[in-house]
Amino acid sequence: MSESTDPVAPADEIAAGYAFTGPALDLGALVWDGRCLPDRQVRVPLAVLNRHGLVAGATGTGKTKTLQLIAEQLSEAGVPVFLADVKGDVSGISAPGVPNDKIHERAGEVAQEWSAAGCPAEFYSLGGIGPGIPLRATVTGFGPVLLSKVLQLNQTQEQSLGLIFHYADSKGLELIDLKDLRAVVAFLVSDEGKAELKGIGGLSTVTAGVILRALTAFEQQGAVDFFGEPEFDTAEFLRTAPDGRGVVSVLELPAVQDKPRLFSTFLMWLLADLYADLPEVGDPERPKLVFFFDEAHLLFHDASKAFLESITQTVRLIRSKGIGVFFVTQTPKDVPADVLAQLGNRVQHALRAFTPDDAKALKATVKTFPHSAYDLEELLTRLGTGEAVITVLDENGAPTPVAATRLRAPRSLMGPIDAAGLDRAVTSSPLYARYARPIDRESAYEKISAEQAAAEAAAERAAVAAEAEKEGRRAAKPGHGTARPEPSLAQQVVGSGLFRSLARSVGTQLGREISRSLFGTARRRR
């Protein structure tokens, strides 16, 4: 850190930037010239937490504890929180912490009046894999853009998938699970299906084959469990407890952490669904929900240009819906520049500089901060566990001075709760009865199968009739004429096609087309 003839003057200037008048979260005490100054507190205004944020730092520097510290104070302020628990170590936020010497030492250093307290919490899982209330989405609700990302389709294939969704929407074919999508794709490359697409474009057999193979690989990863009904209503994440505290929704992901593309894309569906359904509120006094993406680099890895553009636009616009988004990752370079530019609140833990690439990343990180009284390149390699460099937005939306901070200790349990306690929390939730049992109602697969069966039965009857007619002509006596022919196969099925009767059955829908948000996700009216 830089030296000063007046050792407290720079610290006073920095601390003055955090002297907010409105409600704020307490992050810790300012560190200057190697000393922790407990009378100079570093805080973040509650009203700016919908301006998004970044928590970054090397493994083991305390990112998860920082996330926990912010989340439990948001809950206390009546703000619901969503946490993606990739490593399985955040469930302790629901239980009071256990006091020990380290906690008391830290509390004394930063002038924190520490007492153990847990938060009201709900636990979820993707499709019921692992402990938690199952989160499911329908294929229609998930939409073609996100599904293309998780299937690793190229731009042409993504456009073809969009065409498939458009067709299913217009024909009233509900795409609930993956077998529904598979059935529609197979139909659209059949002779009957090709004719259906003439007016809006075609689907090549090669592209259909790629999509079907990608679906097969996706199913083998366990994705069958994630798509279906009952579809989860993301408004459940906006609840508060009877005592007014915000409910902390913890998505348990350890059981699927080897499938990062799947869970990162599913998280974006949750965010996109919230965006589609919430009204505009501008800048509220406190957020409606704060969303934490842990291991955020997984979200952007191998992402298509269209997907990145959609993320950028969603992050930009969802602020006005009262939703704050925090990305938690190792270095700022894990987040695309267009997204990073929209993150007003920064908590940067220590970085390592063991390799040339590390040193390059360190220099790049320093350049992303405002002008600082600290030597950031040196400071960021010397921060201890539970220390961070912080800059946030003040109550007027201007960035605060960069502040090295010794962070407060979370009041909840810093570690996971036991498996039995987690199971009890899940099964005792009123949401468990609503979402635990899957439902398999009639949808595209069943409708297509029924039409195929009807067509096959009609063909069989026509064949029998044709054979009977042939035998009748053979047996007819000369001069007595011939028996009146039965309707031919063509006469019985011409004009019906696989979807002729289906189209008539959904005619009352008058051209229904499901409205979609930025990610192509279906919009529900609540």
Protein backbone atom coordinates (compact mmCIF):
# COMPACT_ATOMS: atom_id res chain seq x y z
CA MET A 1 0.00 0.00 0.00
CA SER A 2 1.16 3.58 -0.55
CA GLU A 3 2.64 5.59 2.33
CA SER A 4 1.38 8.99 3.54
CA THR A 5 2.82 11.67 5.82
CA ASP A 6 -0.56 11.73 7.56
CA PRO A 7 -1.26 8.00 8.06
CA VAL A 8 -5.01 8.44 8.57
CA ALA A 9 -5.85 11.11 5.99
CA PRO A 10 -6.23 8.73 3.01
CA ALA A 11 -8.21 6.31 5.17
CA ASP A 12 -10.55 9.11 6.22
CA GLU A 13 -11.14 10.08 2.59
CA ILE A 14 -11.91 6.50 1.64
CA ALA A 15 -14.18 5.93 4.65
CA ALA A 16 -16.11 9.11 3.86
CA GLY A 17 -17.17 7.50 0.58
CA TYR A 18 -18.99 4.78 2.54
CA ALA A 19 -20.87 7.04 5.00
CA PHE A 20 -24.34 6.31 3.62
CA THR A 21 -27.51 7.72 5.17
CA GLY A 22 -29.98 5.05 4.00
CA PRO A 23 -30.20 1.31 4.74
CA ALA A 24 -26.97 -0.49 3.93
CA LEU A 25 -25.26 -3.86 4.38
CA ASP A 26 -22.15 -3.96 6.57
CA LEU A 27 -19.24 -5.64 4.79
CA GLY A 28 -16.32 -5.00 7.14
CA ALA A 29 -13.68 -2.57 8.35
CA LEU A 30 -11.24 -0.56 6.24
CA VAL A 31 -7.63 -1.73 6.04
CA TRP A 32 -4.98 0.93 5.48
CA ASP A 33 -1.20 0.72 5.69
CA GLY A 34 -1.40 -2.81 7.04
CA ARG A 35 -3.78 -1.93 9.88
CA CYS A 36 -7.46 -2.73 10.30
CA LEU A 37 -9.41 0.37 11.32
CA PRO A 38 -12.65 -0.82 12.99
CA ASP A 39 -14.07 2.71 13.29
CA ARG A 40 -14.04 3.11 9.51
CA GLN A 41 -16.72 0.79 8.15
CA VAL A 42 -17.18 -0.32 4.54
CA ARG A 43 -20.82 -0.75 3.51
CA VAL A 44 -23.02 -1.11 0.43
CA PRO A 45 -26.39 0.66 0.09
CA LEU A 46 -29.35 -1.71 -0.05
CA ALA A 47 -30.92 0.34 -2.85
CA VAL A 48 -28.04 -0.28 -5.31
CA LEU A 49 -27.96 -4.07 -5.07
CA ASN A 50 -30.15 -4.33 -8.16
CA ARG A 51 -27.20 -2.76 -10.03
CA HIS A 52 -25.52 -6.17 -10.02
CA GLY A 53 -22.14 -7.20 -8.74
CA LEU A 54 -19.07 -9.39 -8.90
CA VAL A 55 -17.40 -11.46 -6.19
CA ALA A 56 -14.06 -12.72 -7.50
CA GLY A 57 -10.88 -14.27 -6.17
CA ALA A 58 -8.65 -17.32 -6.22
CA THR A 59 -9.77 -20.61 -4.69
CA GLY A 60 -9.70 -20.53 -0.88
CA THR A 61 -9.77 -16.74 -0.47
CA GLY A 62 -13.28 -16.58 1.03
CA LYS A 63 -15.68 -15.93 -1.88
CA THR A 64 -18.33 -18.29 -0.51
CA LYS A 65 -18.22 -16.68 2.93
CA THR A 66 -18.61 -13.25 1.31
CA LEU A 67 -21.62 -14.52 -0.62
CA GLN A 68 -23.04 -15.88 2.65
CA LEU A 69 -22.40 -12.60 4.49
CA ILE A 70 -24.24 -10.56 1.85
CA ALA A 71 -27.08 -13.07 1.50
CA GLU A 72 -27.91 -13.29 5.20
CA GLN A 73 -28.01 -9.49 5.54
CA LEU A 74 -30.28 -9.24 2.52
CA SER A 75 -32.60 -11.81 4.11
CA GLU A 76 -32.60 -9.83 7.36
CA ALA A 77 -33.59 -6.74 5.35
CA GLY A 78 -36.58 -8.57 3.86
CA VAL A 79 -35.01 -9.26 0.45
CA PRO A 80 -35.35 -12.80 -0.98
CA VAL A 81 -32.13 -14.40 -2.21
CA PHE A 82 -31.32 -17.16 -4.70
CA LEU A 83 -28.05 -19.08 -4.26
CA ALA A 84 -26.64 -21.68 -6.64
CA ASP A 85 -24.72 -24.10 -4.39
CA VAL A 86 -22.35 -25.81 -6.81
CA LYS A 87 -19.98 -27.26 -4.22
CA GLY A 88 -22.57 -28.13 -1.57
CA ASP A 89 -21.20 -25.83 1.13
CA VAL A 90 -23.87 -23.11 1.34
CA SER A 91 -26.70 -25.06 2.99
CA GLY A 92 -25.41 -23.89 6.37
CA ILE A 93 -27.00 -20.50 5.75
CA SER A 94 -30.19 -22.04 7.15
CA ALA A 95 -28.60 -22.83 10.54
CA PRO A 96 -27.05 -20.66 13.27
CA GLY A 97 -23.28 -20.47 13.19
CA VAL A 98 -21.06 -22.10 15.80
CA PRO A 99 -18.97 -19.60 17.79
CA ASN A 100 -15.24 -20.19 18.02
CA ASP A 101 -12.05 -18.26 18.72
CA LYS A 102 -11.51 -17.27 15.07
CA ILE A 103 -15.01 -15.82 14.78
CA HIS A 104 -14.66 -13.84 18.00
CA GLU A 105 -11.24 -12.60 16.90
CA ARG A 106 -12.55 -11.44 13.54
CA ALA A 107 -15.60 -9.81 15.13
CA GLY A 108 -13.37 -7.88 17.49
CA GLU A 109 -11.09 -6.70 14.66
CA VAL A 110 -13.95 -5.27 12.59
CA ALA A 111 -16.20 -4.01 15.43
CA GLN A 112 -18.90 -6.59 14.70
CA GLU A 113 -21.47 -7.55 17.33
CA TRP A 114 -21.59 -11.19 16.32
CA SER A 115 -24.41 -13.54 17.30
CA ALA A 116 -25.37 -16.83 15.71
CA ALA A 117 -28.42 -16.75 13.41
CA GLY A 118 -29.71 -18.81 10.49
CA CYS A 119 -31.96 -17.68 7.64
CA PRO A 120 -35.33 -19.02 6.47
CA ALA A 121 -34.39 -21.26 3.56
CA GLU A 122 -35.79 -23.56 0.90
CA PHE A 123 -33.68 -26.19 -0.84
CA TYR A 124 -34.10 -27.18 -4.49
CA SER A 125 -32.58 -29.64 -6.93
CA LEU A 126 -32.60 -29.90 -10.72
CA GLY A 127 -35.29 -32.40 -11.61
CA GLY A 128 -35.02 -34.12 -8.24
CA ILE A 129 -31.43 -35.26 -8.74
CA GLY A 130 -29.95 -34.90 -5.27
CA PRO A 131 -31.70 -33.50 -2.20
CA GLY A 132 -34.17 -30.70 -2.75
CA ILE A 133 -37.58 -29.77 -4.12
CA PRO A 134 -37.45 -30.67 -7.84
CA LEU A 135 -37.13 -27.77 -10.29
CA ARG A 136 -38.54 -28.68 -13.68
CA ALA A 137 -39.17 -26.75 -16.86
CA THR A 138 -41.15 -27.73 -19.92
CA VAL A 139 -39.27 -27.81 -23.21
CA THR A 140 -41.57 -25.05 -24.50
CA GLY A 141 -40.89 -22.97 -21.40
CA PHE A 142 -37.14 -23.48 -21.73
CA GLY A 143 -37.14 -22.19 -25.29
CA PRO A 144 -34.96 -22.79 -28.36
CA VAL A 145 -32.09 -20.37 -27.58
CA LEU A 146 -31.17 -21.86 -24.22
CA LEU A 147 -31.77 -25.38 -25.45
CA SER A 148 -29.46 -24.76 -28.41
CA LYS A 149 -26.75 -23.67 -26.00
CA VAL A 150 -27.01 -26.78 -23.87
CA LEU A 151 -27.18 -29.02 -26.97
CA GLN A 152 -24.10 -27.23 -28.41
CA LEU A 153 -25.81 -26.47 -31.72
CA ASN A 154 -24.31 -24.09 -34.26
CA GLN A 155 -26.14 -21.02 -35.55
CA THR A 156 -27.82 -22.82 -38.46
CA GLN A 157 -28.96 -25.67 -36.24
CA GLU A 158 -30.19 -23.16 -33.63
CA GLN A 159 -32.31 -21.46 -36.29
CA SER A 160 -33.75 -24.83 -37.31
CA LEU A 161 -34.60 -25.60 -33.70
CA GLY A 162 -36.37 -22.24 -33.50
CA LEU A 163 -38.40 -23.24 -36.55
CA ILE A 164 -39.40 -26.47 -34.84
CA PHE A 165 -40.59 -24.58 -31.76
CA HIS A 166 -42.50 -22.13 -33.98
CA TYR A 167 -44.25 -24.99 -35.74
CA ALA A 168 -45.16 -26.73 -32.48
CA ASP A 169 -46.55 -23.48 -31.05
CA SER A 170 -48.66 -22.76 -34.11
CA LYS A 171 -50.13 -26.29 -34.16
CA GLY A 172 -50.91 -26.49 -30.45
CA LEU A 173 -48.35 -29.24 -29.86
CA GLU A 174 -47.20 -28.96 -26.27
CA LEU A 175 -43.46 -29.60 -25.93
CA ILE A 176 -43.39 -30.71 -22.32
CA ASP A 177 -40.54 -33.21 -22.19
CA LEU A 178 -37.76 -34.32 -24.50
CA LYS A 179 -39.73 -37.14 -26.09
CA ASP A 180 -42.24 -34.53 -27.29
CA LEU A 181 -39.47 -32.60 -29.06
CA ARG A 182 -38.03 -35.79 -30.51
CA ALA A 183 -41.45 -36.75 -31.91
CA VAL A 184 -41.97 -33.38 -33.61
CA VAL A 185 -38.48 -33.40 -35.15
CA ALA A 186 -39.02 -36.90 -36.53
CA PHE A 187 -42.36 -35.89 -38.01
CA LEU A 188 -41.05 -32.76 -39.69
CA VAL A 189 -38.53 -34.73 -41.74
CA SER A 190 -41.15 -37.27 -42.79
CA ASP A 191 -43.00 -36.94 -46.11
CA GLU A 192 -46.07 -35.48 -44.41
CA GLY A 193 -44.05 -33.09 -42.25
CA LYS A 194 -42.00 -31.65 -45.12
CA ALA A 195 -45.19 -30.43 -46.71
CA GLU A 196 -46.23 -28.78 -43.45
CA LEU A 197 -43.09 -26.60 -43.44
CA LYS A 198 -43.21 -25.39 -47.03
CA GLY A 199 -44.70 -22.03 -46.12
CA ILE A 200 -42.18 -21.13 -43.40
CA GLY A 201 -38.98 -22.87 -44.42
CA GLY A 202 -37.65 -26.38 -44.40
CA LEU A 203 -35.76 -28.67 -42.05
CA SER A 204 -33.00 -30.72 -43.60
CA THR A 205 -32.62 -34.38 -42.72
CA VAL A 206 -28.98 -33.75 -41.81
CA THR A 207 -29.84 -30.98 -39.35
CA ALA A 208 -32.66 -33.04 -37.87
CA GLY A 209 -30.21 -35.89 -37.39
CA VAL A 210 -27.77 -33.61 -35.56
CA ILE A 211 -30.53 -32.36 -33.26
CA LEU A 212 -31.76 -35.89 -32.54
CA ARG A 213 -28.24 -37.13 -31.75
CA ALA A 214 -27.67 -34.13 -29.49
CA LEU A 215 -30.93 -34.89 -27.70
CA THR A 216 -29.82 -38.48 -27.19
CA ALA A 217 -26.53 -37.36 -25.65
CA PHE A 218 -28.41 -34.85 -23.51
CA GLU A 219 -30.76 -37.55 -22.25
CA GLN A 220 -27.81 -39.75 -21.35
CA GLN A 221 -26.54 -36.97 -19.08
CA GLY A 222 -29.73 -37.28 -17.03
CA ALA A 223 -31.58 -34.39 -18.64
CA VAL A 224 -34.78 -36.44 -18.88
CA ASP A 225 -35.44 -35.55 -15.24
CA PHE A 226 -35.17 -31.79 -15.80
CA PHE A 227 -37.94 -31.45 -18.36
CA GLY A 228 -41.54 -32.08 -17.49
CA GLU A 229 -44.37 -31.02 -15.27
CA PRO A 230 -45.23 -29.57 -12.86
CA GLU A 231 -43.18 -26.70 -14.22
CA PHE A 232 -41.69 -24.66 -11.41
CA ASP A 233 -43.11 -21.18 -10.88
CA THR A 234 -40.11 -18.90 -10.37
CA ALA A 235 -42.32 -16.50 -8.40
CA GLU A 236 -41.73 -18.90 -5.49
CA PHE A 237 -38.27 -17.32 -5.19
CA LEU A 238 -39.83 -13.96 -4.28
CA ARG A 239 -41.35 -15.07 -0.99
CA THR A 240 -40.70 -13.73 2.48
CA ALA A 241 -41.04 -15.60 5.77
CA PRO A 242 -43.85 -14.79 8.26
CA ASP A 243 -41.41 -12.68 10.29
CA GLY A 244 -40.66 -10.51 7.23
CA ARG A 245 -37.23 -11.90 6.42
CA GLY A 246 -36.48 -12.82 2.83
CA VAL A 247 -36.46 -16.53 2.05
CA VAL A 248 -33.09 -17.82 0.85
CA SER A 249 -33.58 -20.31 -1.99
CA VAL A 250 -30.62 -22.68 -2.24
CA LEU A 251 -30.27 -24.73 -5.43
CA GLU A 252 -28.23 -27.81 -4.51
CA LEU A 253 -26.02 -28.70 -7.48
CA PRO A 254 -23.31 -31.12 -6.20
CA ALA A 255 -25.11 -34.09 -7.79
CA VAL A 256 -24.84 -32.45 -11.24
CA GLN A 257 -21.60 -30.50 -10.87
CA ASP A 258 -20.04 -32.72 -13.57
CA LYS A 259 -22.63 -31.28 -16.00
CA PRO A 260 -21.79 -27.56 -15.86
CA ARG A 261 -23.35 -26.71 -19.23
CA LEU A 262 -26.64 -28.09 -18.06
CA PHE A 263 -26.95 -26.34 -14.71
CA SER A 264 -25.54 -23.02 -15.92
CA THR A 265 -28.05 -22.94 -18.75
CA PHE A 266 -30.85 -23.93 -16.38
CA LEU A 267 -29.90 -21.02 -14.13
CA MET A 268 -30.23 -18.67 -17.08
CA TRP A 269 -33.71 -20.09 -17.70
CA LEU A 270 -34.67 -19.17 -14.16
CA LEU A 271 -33.40 -15.63 -14.65
CA ALA A 272 -35.02 -15.26 -18.07
CA ASP A 273 -38.33 -16.54 -16.72
CA LEU A 274 -38.27 -13.97 -13.93
CA TYR A 275 -37.47 -11.25 -16.46
CA ALA A 276 -40.41 -12.26 -18.65
CA ASP A 277 -42.96 -12.17 -15.83
CA LEU A 278 -42.01 -9.30 -13.53
CA PRO A 279 -43.27 -5.73 -14.03
CA GLU A 280 -41.02 -2.70 -14.43
CA VAL A 281 -40.27 -1.02 -11.10
CA GLY A 282 -37.29 1.22 -11.92
CA ASP A 283 -34.93 1.61 -8.96
CA PRO A 284 -36.78 0.43 -5.83
CA GLU A 285 -35.65 1.19 -2.28
CA ARG A 286 -34.60 -2.42 -2.00
CA PRO A 287 -34.34 -5.24 -4.58
CA LYS A 288 -37.14 -7.74 -5.11
CA LEU A 289 -34.59 -10.55 -5.38
CA VAL A 290 -30.82 -10.92 -5.54
CA PHE A 291 -29.53 -13.80 -7.65
CA PHE A 292 -26.05 -15.30 -7.10
CA PHE A 293 -24.32 -17.26 -9.90
CA ASP A 294 -21.53 -19.29 -8.30
CA GLU A 295 -18.82 -20.66 -10.63
CA ALA A 296 -19.99 -18.07 -13.18
CA HIS A 297 -17.27 -18.94 -15.67
CA LEU A 298 -19.25 -22.10 -16.49
CA LEU A 299 -22.08 -19.93 -17.76
CA PHE A 300 -19.96 -18.29 -20.44
CA HIS A 301 -17.73 -21.20 -21.46
CA ASP A 302 -18.19 -22.06 -25.16
CA ALA A 303 -21.26 -19.84 -25.33
CA SER A 304 -22.54 -18.79 -28.76
CA LYS A 305 -22.62 -15.15 -29.81
CA ALA A 306 -26.42 -15.14 -29.67
CA PHE A 307 -26.38 -16.56 -26.15
CA LEU A 308 -23.86 -13.98 -24.92
CA GLU A 309 -25.89 -11.19 -26.48
CA SER A 310 -28.98 -12.49 -24.70
CA ILE A 311 -27.20 -12.65 -21.34
CA THR A 312 -25.87 -9.14 -21.79
CA GLN A 313 -29.28 -7.77 -22.67
CA THR A 314 -31.00 -9.61 -19.82
CA VAL A 315 -28.48 -8.33 -17.24
CA ARG A 316 -28.89 -4.81 -18.61
CA LEU A 317 -32.68 -4.84 -18.53
CA ILE A 318 -33.53 -6.95 -15.49
CA ARG A 319 -32.25 -4.24 -13.15
CA SER A 320 -35.42 -2.28 -13.84
CA LYS A 321 -37.44 -5.30 -12.68
CA GLY A 322 -35.82 -5.01 -9.25
CA ILE A 323 -33.57 -8.06 -9.70
CA GLY A 324 -29.89 -7.93 -8.78
CA VAL A 325 -27.42 -10.43 -10.22
CA PHE A 326 -24.06 -11.25 -8.65
CA PHE A 327 -21.51 -13.34 -10.53
CA VAL A 328 -19.11 -15.32 -8.33
CA THR A 329 -15.97 -16.53 -10.08
CA GLN A 330 -12.16 -16.61 -9.92
CA THR A 331 -11.15 -13.64 -12.07
CA PRO A 332 -13.08 -10.79 -13.73
CA LYS A 333 -11.86 -12.01 -17.11
CA ASP A 334 -14.20 -15.01 -16.69
CA VAL A 335 -17.08 -12.58 -17.35
CA PRO A 336 -17.48 -11.02 -20.83
CA ALA A 337 -16.55 -7.34 -20.98
CA ASP A 338 -20.07 -6.22 -21.94
CA VAL A 339 -21.49 -7.97 -18.87
CA LEU A 340 -18.65 -6.86 -16.58
CA ALA A 341 -19.29 -3.23 -17.52
CA GLN A 342 -22.76 -3.49 -15.97
CA LEU A 343 -21.62 -4.79 -12.58
CA GLY A 344 -21.61 -1.78 -10.28
CA ASN A 345 -20.55 -3.54 -7.06
CA ARG A 346 -17.17 -5.29 -6.80
CA VAL A 347 -15.70 -7.50 -4.09
CA GLN A 348 -12.27 -8.69 -5.24
CA HIS A 349 -10.49 -11.25 -3.08
CA ALA A 350 -6.83 -12.19 -3.48
CA LEU A 351 -5.40 -13.28 -6.85
CA ARG A 352 -2.38 -15.48 -7.45
CA ALA A 353 0.51 -14.59 -9.74
CA PHE A 354 2.40 -17.87 -9.97
CA THR A 355 2.51 -18.06 -13.79
CA PRO A 356 2.82 -15.57 -16.67
CA ASP A 357 -0.88 -16.04 -17.37
CA ASP A 358 -1.67 -15.29 -13.72
CA ALA A 359 0.42 -12.11 -13.87
CA LYS A 360 -1.37 -11.02 -17.05
CA ALA A 361 -4.76 -11.66 -15.43
CA LEU A 362 -3.68 -9.66 -12.38
CA LYS A 363 -2.73 -6.63 -14.48
CA ALA A 364 -6.01 -6.88 -16.40
CA THR A 365 -7.97 -6.98 -13.12
CA VAL A 366 -6.21 -3.89 -11.76
CA LYS A 367 -7.19 -1.95 -14.89
CA THR A 368 -10.88 -2.64 -14.22
CA PHE A 369 -10.82 -0.66 -10.95
CA PRO A 370 -11.21 3.11 -10.58
CA HIS A 371 -8.15 5.15 -9.65
CA SER A 372 -6.97 4.01 -6.22
CA ALA A 373 -4.83 5.24 -3.37
CA TYR A 374 -3.54 1.66 -3.07
CA ASP A 375 -0.93 -0.13 -5.12
CA LEU A 376 -3.54 -2.65 -6.28
CA GLU A 377 -1.15 -4.89 -8.20
CA GLU A 378 0.77 -5.53 -5.00
CA LEU A 379 -2.23 -5.48 -2.67
CA LEU A 380 -4.25 -8.09 -4.56
CA THR A 381 -1.51 -10.68 -4.10
CA ARG A 382 -1.14 -9.99 -0.36
CA LEU A 383 -4.75 -10.04 0.82
CA GLY A 384 -5.48 -12.65 3.48
CA THR A 385 -8.43 -15.03 3.61
CA GLY A 386 -11.55 -13.03 4.35
CA GLU A 387 -10.07 -9.79 3.02
CA ALA A 388 -11.03 -8.08 -0.23
CA VAL A 389 -10.71 -4.92 -2.30
CA ILE A 390 -14.15 -3.33 -2.58
CA THR A 391 -15.81 -0.61 -4.63
CA VAL A 392 -19.58 -0.21 -4.82
CA LEU A 393 -22.07 2.35 -6.06
CA ASP A 394 -23.09 5.05 -3.62
CA GLU A 395 -26.66 6.23 -3.12
CA ASN A 396 -26.34 8.53 -6.13
CA GLY A 397 -25.03 5.76 -8.38
CA ALA A 398 -21.39 6.93 -8.39
CA PRO A 399 -18.54 4.50 -7.62
CA THR A 400 -17.09 4.66 -4.12
CA PRO A 401 -13.32 4.88 -3.47
CA VAL A 402 -11.48 1.57 -3.65
CA ALA A 403 -11.27 0.16 -0.10
CA ALA A 404 -9.18 -2.73 1.18
CA THR A 405 -11.52 -4.41 3.66
CA ARG A 406 -11.35 -7.03 6.38
CA LEU A 407 -14.74 -8.68 6.03
CA ARG A 408 -17.18 -9.55 8.75
CA ALA A 409 -17.88 -13.14 9.75
CA PRO A 410 -21.19 -14.66 8.62
CA ARG A 411 -23.64 -15.33 11.44
CA SER A 412 -24.92 -18.55 9.91
CA LEU A 413 -23.14 -21.91 9.79
CA MET A 414 -20.01 -21.72 7.62
CA GLY A 415 -20.33 -25.16 6.09
CA PRO A 416 -23.06 -27.61 5.05
CA ILE A 417 -25.79 -28.89 7.34
CA ASP A 418 -26.01 -32.65 7.80
CA ALA A 419 -27.83 -34.79 5.25
CA ALA A 420 -30.65 -35.72 7.64
CA GLY A 421 -31.31 -32.07 8.45
CA LEU A 422 -31.35 -31.20 4.76
CA ASP A 423 -33.85 -33.98 4.01
CA ARG A 424 -36.11 -32.79 6.84
CA ALA A 425 -36.02 -29.23 5.54
CA VAL A 426 -36.98 -30.41 2.06
CA THR A 427 -39.83 -32.77 2.93
CA SER A 428 -41.35 -30.40 5.51
CA SER A 429 -41.66 -27.57 2.98
CA PRO A 430 -45.20 -26.82 1.73
CA LEU A 431 -43.71 -26.62 -1.78
CA TYR A 432 -42.63 -30.26 -1.67
CA ALA A 433 -46.16 -31.60 -2.14
CA ARG A 434 -46.72 -29.17 -5.01
CA TYR A 435 -43.63 -30.03 -7.06
CA ALA A 436 -42.21 -33.37 -5.92
CA ARG A 437 -44.43 -35.74 -7.94
CA PRO A 438 -43.93 -35.58 -11.76
CA ILE A 439 -46.96 -35.35 -14.06
CA ASP A 440 -47.10 -36.85 -17.56
CA ARG A 441 -50.17 -35.54 -19.41
CA GLU A 442 -51.05 -35.70 -23.09
CA SER A 443 -48.68 -33.63 -25.19
CA ALA A 444 -46.97 -33.71 -28.59
CA TYR A 445 -45.63 -37.25 -28.26
CA GLU A 446 -49.02 -38.71 -27.34
CA LYS A 447 -50.85 -36.73 -30.04
CA ILE A 448 -48.39 -37.74 -32.74
CA SER A 449 -48.46 -41.38 -31.58
CA ALA A 450 -52.27 -41.38 -31.68
CA GLU A 451 -52.30 -39.92 -35.20
CA GLN A 452 -49.72 -42.46 -36.34
CA ALA A 453 -51.77 -45.30 -34.87
CA ALA A 454 -54.93 -43.98 -36.55
CA ALA A 455 -53.12 -43.67 -39.89
CA GLU A 456 -51.75 -47.20 -39.60
CA ALA A 457 -55.19 -48.55 -38.72
CA ALA A 458 -56.73 -46.75 -41.70
CA ALA A 459 -54.04 -48.14 -43.97
CA GLU A 460 -54.69 -51.64 -42.68
CA ARG A 461 -58.43 -51.30 -43.22
CA ALA A 462 -57.85 -49.99 -46.71
CA ALA A 463 -55.56 -52.90 -47.51
CA VAL A 464 -58.14 -55.39 -46.26
CA ALA A 465 -60.86 -53.66 -48.28
CA ALA A 466 -58.73 -53.61 -51.39
CA GLU A 467 -58.00 -57.31 -51.04
CA ALA A 468 -61.69 -58.04 -50.54
CA GLU A 469 -62.55 -56.01 -53.64
CA LYS A 470 -59.99 -57.91 -55.63
CA GLU A 471 -61.38 -61.25 -54.48
CA GLY A 472 -64.91 -60.03 -55.27
CA ARG A 473 -63.97 -59.22 -58.86
CA ARG A 474 -62.45 -62.64 -59.30
CA ALA A 475 -65.59 -64.32 -58.04
CA ALA A 476 -68.02 -62.14 -60.03
CA LYS A 477 -69.89 -63.96 -62.84
CA PRO A 478 -69.65 -62.59 -66.39
CA GLY A 479 -72.58 -60.38 -67.38
CA HIS A 480 -73.58 -59.51 -63.85
CA GLY A 481 -71.27 -56.51 -63.57
CA THR A 482 -68.83 -55.93 -60.79
CA ALA A 483 -69.32 -55.05 -57.15
CA ARG A 484 -69.10 -51.41 -56.21
CA PRO A 485 -65.50 -50.81 -55.16
CA GLU A 486 -64.77 -49.90 -51.56
CA PRO A 487 -62.97 -46.60 -50.98
CA SER A 488 -59.29 -46.93 -51.78
CA LEU A 489 -56.46 -46.25 -49.33
CA ALA A 490 -55.85 -42.91 -51.02
CA GLN A 491 -59.51 -41.95 -50.71
CA GLN A 492 -59.53 -42.81 -47.00
CA VAL A 493 -56.40 -40.95 -45.95
CA VAL A 494 -55.95 -38.22 -48.60
CA GLY A 495 -56.07 -34.80 -47.04
CA SER A 496 -55.75 -36.19 -43.52
CA GLY A 497 -51.97 -36.33 -43.19
CA LEU A 498 -50.54 -36.93 -39.79
CA PHE A 499 -51.69 -33.58 -38.53
CA ARG A 500 -54.86 -32.80 -40.52
CA SER A 501 -57.22 -33.90 -37.79
CA LEU A 502 -54.93 -32.47 -35.16
CA ALA A 503 -54.94 -29.09 -36.88
CA ARG A 504 -58.76 -29.13 -36.87
CA SER A 505 -58.85 -30.04 -33.17
CA VAL A 506 -56.78 -27.01 -32.29
CA GLY A 507 -58.42 -24.66 -34.75
CA THR A 508 -60.17 -22.81 -31.97
CA GLN A 509 -56.78 -21.59 -30.77
CA LEU A 510 -56.77 -19.17 -33.72
CA GLY A 511 -53.10 -19.17 -34.53
CA ARG A 512 -51.80 -19.43 -30.96
CA GLU A 513 -48.16 -18.46 -30.77
CA ILE A 514 -46.47 -18.52 -27.37
CA SER A 515 -44.82 -15.18 -26.65
CA ARG A 516 -41.17 -15.50 -25.79
CA SER A 517 -38.67 -13.38 -23.95
CA LEU A 518 -35.08 -12.56 -24.84
CA PHE A 519 -34.03 -16.17 -24.41
CA GLY A 520 -37.04 -17.57 -26.27
CA THR A 521 -38.57 -18.77 -23.01
CA ALA A 522 -42.34 -18.96 -22.80
CA ARG A 523 -44.09 -16.29 -20.78
CA ARG A 524 -46.57 -17.36 -18.13
CA ARG A 525 -49.37 -15.07 -17.00
CA ARG A 526 -49.62 -15.14 -13.24
